[in-house]
Amino acid sequence: MGQRTFTSVPDFAFKDRDILEIHASDRPEEVLACFPSRVVFIGGGPTVYAAYAPFIRHWDINRLPYNGEADRWFDPAWLLAGGHRP
């Protein structure tokens, strides 16, 4: 996950899972290669999703009943970028 999401993760979540902070300079292929044979969950905002979209096989998207201002967004084009098998 990106830095903002990483810093928002509560302490208890680190006890039973591996959580990695990723950076814009990290290549998605190299990050994902660190976890062979594992299911990897990607979390973050638009920058993270744009970088990792070609590698995502399954999107679990939650929609909130909210129609106001927001500081994050989801680009439906990311759904079309998926399907790449590293």
C-alpha atoms as a PDB file:
ATOM      1  CA  MET A   1       0.000   0.000   0.000  1.00  0.00           C
ATOM      2  CA  GLY A   2       1.001   3.565  -0.465  1.00  0.00           C
ATOM      3  CA  GLN A   3       2.423   5.733   2.304  1.00  0.00           C
ATOM      4  CA  ARG A   4      -0.817   7.460   3.322  1.00  0.00           C
ATOM      5  CA  THR A   5      -2.695   4.187   3.570  1.00  0.00           C
ATOM      6  CA  PHE A   6       0.229   2.507   5.348  1.00  0.00           C
ATOM      7  CA  THR A   7       0.327   5.165   8.069  1.00  0.00           C
ATOM      8  CA  SER A   8      -3.420   4.759   8.634  1.00  0.00           C
ATOM      9  CA  VAL A   9      -3.249   1.016   9.339  1.00  0.00           C
ATOM     10  CA  PRO A  10      -3.960   0.282  13.022  1.00  0.00           C
ATOM     11  CA  ASP A  11      -1.244  -1.481  15.033  1.00  0.00           C
ATOM     12  CA  PHE A  12      -3.236  -4.700  15.496  1.00  0.00           C
ATOM     13  CA  ALA A  13      -3.253  -5.321  11.713  1.00  0.00           C
ATOM     14  CA  PHE A  14       0.520  -5.811  11.667  1.00  0.00           C
ATOM     15  CA  LYS A  15       0.302  -8.811  14.019  1.00  0.00           C
ATOM     16  CA  ASP A  16      -1.130 -11.366  11.611  1.00  0.00           C
ATOM     17  CA  ARG A  17      -0.137 -10.215   8.128  1.00  0.00           C
ATOM     18  CA  ASP A  18       2.760  -8.825   6.141  1.00  0.00           C
ATOM     19  CA  ILE A  19       2.138  -5.191   5.269  1.00  0.00           C
ATOM     20  CA  LEU A  20       4.506  -3.444   2.909  1.00  0.00           C
ATOM     21  CA  GLU A  21       4.732   0.272   2.177  1.00  0.00           C
ATOM     22  CA  ILE A  22       5.391   0.846  -1.499  1.00  0.00           C
ATOM     23  CA  HIS A  23       6.781   3.935  -3.199  1.00  0.00           C
ATOM     24  CA  ALA A  24       6.431   5.512  -6.637  1.00  0.00           C
ATOM     25  CA  SER A  25      10.011   4.474  -7.396  1.00  0.00           C
ATOM     26  CA  ASP A  26       9.183   0.781  -6.764  1.00  0.00           C
ATOM     27  CA  ARG A  27       8.508  -1.305  -9.861  1.00  0.00           C
ATOM     28  CA  PRO A  28       5.307  -3.345  -9.417  1.00  0.00           C
ATOM     29  CA  GLU A  29       6.910  -6.393 -11.041  1.00  0.00           C
ATOM     30  CA  GLU A  30       9.725  -6.371  -8.486  1.00  0.00           C
ATOM     31  CA  VAL A  31       7.432  -5.798  -5.508  1.00  0.00           C
ATOM     32  CA  LEU A  32       5.105  -8.641  -6.532  1.00  0.00           C
ATOM     33  CA  ALA A  33       8.077 -10.941  -7.161  1.00  0.00           C
ATOM     34  CA  CYS A  34       8.847 -10.719  -3.425  1.00  0.00           C
ATOM     35  CA  PHE A  35       5.697 -12.744  -2.745  1.00  0.00           C
ATOM     36  CA  PRO A  36       5.751 -15.801  -5.026  1.00  0.00           C
ATOM     37  CA  SER A  37       2.848 -18.210  -4.584  1.00  0.00           C
ATOM     38  CA  ARG A  38       0.968 -15.794  -2.334  1.00  0.00           C
ATOM     39  CA  VAL A  39      -2.196 -13.805  -2.751  1.00  0.00           C
ATOM     40  CA  VAL A  40      -1.255 -10.136  -2.618  1.00  0.00           C
ATOM     41  CA  PHE A  41      -3.777  -7.449  -1.712  1.00  0.00           C
ATOM     42  CA  ILE A  42      -3.118  -3.963  -3.063  1.00  0.00           C
ATOM     43  CA  GLY A  43      -4.358  -0.988  -1.064  1.00  0.00           C
ATOM     44  CA  GLY A  44      -3.925   2.701  -1.521  1.00  0.00           C
ATOM     45  CA  GLY A  45      -5.104   5.527  -3.661  1.00  0.00           C
ATOM     46  CA  PRO A  46      -5.140   6.439  -7.333  1.00  0.00           C
ATOM     47  CA  THR A  47      -1.351   6.398  -7.780  1.00  0.00           C
ATOM     48  CA  VAL A  48      -1.017   2.878  -6.386  1.00  0.00           C
ATOM     49  CA  TYR A  49      -3.985   1.496  -8.321  1.00  0.00           C
ATOM     50  CA  ALA A  50      -2.795   3.052 -11.574  1.00  0.00           C
ATOM     51  CA  ALA A  51       0.632   1.404 -11.175  1.00  0.00           C
ATOM     52  CA  TYR A  52      -0.654  -2.030 -10.133  1.00  0.00           C
ATOM     53  CA  ALA A  53      -3.825  -2.269 -12.289  1.00  0.00           C
ATOM     54  CA  PRO A  54      -2.166  -4.387 -15.009  1.00  0.00           C
ATOM     55  CA  PHE A  55      -1.298  -7.025 -12.390  1.00  0.00           C
ATOM     56  CA  ILE A  56      -4.624  -7.225 -10.558  1.00  0.00           C
ATOM     57  CA  ARG A  57      -6.647 -10.349 -11.332  1.00  0.00           C
ATOM     58  CA  HIS A  58      -9.587  -9.650  -9.023  1.00  0.00           C
ATOM     59  CA  TRP A  59     -10.980  -6.308  -7.898  1.00  0.00           C
ATOM     60  CA  ASP A  60     -12.924  -6.188  -4.628  1.00  0.00           C
ATOM     61  CA  ILE A  61     -14.528  -2.758  -4.798  1.00  0.00           C
ATOM     62  CA  ASN A  62     -16.644  -1.289  -2.035  1.00  0.00           C
ATOM     63  CA  ARG A  63     -19.025   1.522  -2.863  1.00  0.00           C
ATOM     64  CA  LEU A  64     -20.131   3.872  -0.136  1.00  0.00           C
ATOM     65  CA  PRO A  65     -23.488   5.651  -0.148  1.00  0.00           C
ATOM     66  CA  TYR A  66     -21.848   9.057  -0.389  1.00  0.00           C
ATOM     67  CA  ASN A  67     -22.246  11.785  -2.976  1.00  0.00           C
ATOM     68  CA  GLY A  68     -20.099  14.613  -1.619  1.00  0.00           C
ATOM     69  CA  GLU A  69     -16.552  15.860  -1.958  1.00  0.00           C
ATOM     70  CA  ALA A  70     -13.826  13.216  -1.871  1.00  0.00           C
ATOM     71  CA  ASP A  71     -10.033  13.187  -1.881  1.00  0.00           C
ATOM     72  CA  ARG A  72      -9.775   9.808  -3.674  1.00  0.00           C
ATOM     73  CA  TRP A  73     -11.325   8.342  -6.793  1.00  0.00           C
ATOM     74  CA  PHE A  74     -11.393   5.102  -8.781  1.00  0.00           C
ATOM     75  CA  ASP A  75     -10.816   5.166 -12.526  1.00  0.00           C
ATOM     76  CA  PRO A  76     -12.934   2.447 -14.241  1.00  0.00           C
ATOM     77  CA  ALA A  77     -10.187   2.155 -16.894  1.00  0.00           C
ATOM     78  CA  TRP A  78      -8.101   0.331 -14.293  1.00  0.00           C
ATOM     79  CA  LEU A  79     -10.532  -2.592 -14.563  1.00  0.00           C
ATOM     80  CA  LEU A  80      -9.625  -2.951 -18.234  1.00  0.00           C
ATOM     81  CA  ALA A  81      -5.878  -2.893 -17.520  1.00  0.00           C
ATOM     82  CA  GLY A  82      -6.026  -6.121 -15.502  1.00  0.00           C
ATOM     83  CA  GLY A  83      -5.450  -9.654 -16.593  1.00  0.00           C
ATOM     84  CA  HIS A  84      -1.647  -9.529 -16.808  1.00  0.00           C
ATOM     85  CA  ARG A  85      -0.072 -12.668 -15.390  1.00  0.00           C
ATOM     86  CA  PRO A  86       3.413 -11.879 -14.034  1.00  0.00           C
END
